[in-house]
Amino acid sequence: MKIYDYKGRKNLCGDRVKEARARRKITQEDLAAQLQIEGVTMERDSVSRIEIGTRFVADYELVVLSQVLGVSMEWLTGQDDK
């Protein structure tokens, strides 16, 4: 499967994931652990790659990221300035 870049990145949400994680004062490892509790298998290095835009984010991962971080999917993708 070919994954295409959008403006040089593989996802829209990386910057916002990092921002939301920093607001909650949790580490990448803590976020990965919380995602695993919710059923999404992810390691710390995957969170890092999401944040820097080098990892694709599946739709189900976006849903769980928004829930765990307490923000909307629209905000994560930059579609809402909430």
Protein backbone atom coordinates (compact mmCIF):
# COMPACT_ATOMS: atom_id res chain seq x y z
CA MET A 1 0.00 0.00 0.00
CA LYS A 2 1.37 3.39 -0.96
CA ILE A 3 1.00 6.13 1.62
CA TYR A 4 1.05 9.61 0.18
CA ASP A 5 2.35 12.73 1.84
CA TYR A 6 0.22 15.81 2.37
CA LYS A 7 2.32 18.96 2.55
CA GLY A 8 5.35 16.82 3.37
CA ARG A 9 3.68 14.91 6.20
CA LYS A 10 1.89 11.60 6.54
CA ASN A 11 -0.79 12.95 8.89
CA LEU A 12 -2.66 16.14 9.78
CA CYS A 13 -2.77 15.59 13.51
CA GLY A 14 0.85 15.30 14.67
CA ASP A 15 1.35 18.87 15.85
CA ARG A 16 -1.98 18.85 17.67
CA VAL A 17 -1.28 15.46 19.30
CA LYS A 18 1.95 16.90 20.66
CA GLU A 19 0.18 20.07 21.86
CA ALA A 20 -2.64 18.17 23.56
CA ARG A 21 -0.20 15.74 25.17
CA ALA A 22 1.87 18.64 26.51
CA ARG A 23 -1.26 20.32 27.91
CA ARG A 24 -2.09 17.11 29.78
CA LYS A 25 1.54 16.88 30.93
CA ILE A 26 1.96 13.26 29.88
CA THR A 27 4.91 11.62 28.18
CA GLN A 28 4.82 9.85 24.83
CA GLU A 29 5.17 6.61 26.75
CA ASP A 30 2.16 7.48 28.93
CA LEU A 31 0.09 8.30 25.85
CA ALA A 32 1.06 5.02 24.20
CA ALA A 33 0.06 3.15 27.38
CA GLN A 34 -3.32 4.90 27.50
CA LEU A 35 -3.92 4.06 23.83
CA GLN A 36 -3.07 0.42 24.54
CA ILE A 37 -5.59 0.36 27.40
CA GLU A 38 -8.20 1.55 24.89
CA GLY A 39 -7.28 -1.25 22.47
CA VAL A 40 -4.89 0.53 20.09
CA THR A 41 -1.53 -1.19 19.94
CA MET A 42 1.06 1.58 19.85
CA GLU A 43 4.54 2.08 21.27
CA ARG A 44 6.28 5.29 22.31
CA ASP A 45 8.25 5.50 19.07
CA SER A 46 4.99 5.41 17.08
CA VAL A 47 3.68 8.37 19.09
CA SER A 48 6.93 10.20 18.35
CA ARG A 49 6.62 9.49 14.63
CA ILE A 50 2.99 10.68 14.63
CA GLU A 51 4.05 13.93 16.29
CA ILE A 52 6.78 14.61 13.73
CA GLY A 53 4.53 13.61 10.85
CA THR A 54 6.36 10.55 9.58
CA ARG A 55 3.67 8.00 10.54
CA PHE A 56 0.26 7.55 8.97
CA VAL A 57 -2.66 7.69 11.45
CA ALA A 58 -5.57 5.33 10.81
CA ASP A 59 -9.11 6.61 11.34
CA TYR A 60 -9.69 4.37 14.36
CA GLU A 61 -6.44 5.65 15.90
CA LEU A 62 -7.61 9.23 15.41
CA VAL A 63 -10.87 8.44 17.22
CA VAL A 64 -9.06 6.94 20.21
CA LEU A 65 -6.38 9.67 20.25
CA SER A 66 -9.12 12.29 20.48
CA GLN A 67 -10.83 10.42 23.33
CA VAL A 68 -7.64 9.84 25.32
CA LEU A 69 -6.42 13.42 24.83
CA GLY A 70 -9.85 14.92 25.56
CA VAL A 71 -10.12 16.88 22.29
CA SER A 72 -12.25 16.59 19.17
CA MET A 73 -11.13 14.87 16.00
CA GLU A 74 -11.78 18.14 14.21
CA TRP A 75 -9.38 19.95 16.51
CA LEU A 76 -6.74 17.23 16.05
CA THR A 77 -6.91 17.66 12.28
CA GLY A 78 -6.88 21.45 12.41
CA GLN A 79 -10.49 21.76 11.27
CA ASP A 80 -11.65 23.38 14.51
CA ASP A 81 -9.85 26.03 16.51
CA LYS A 82 -11.35 24.77 19.81
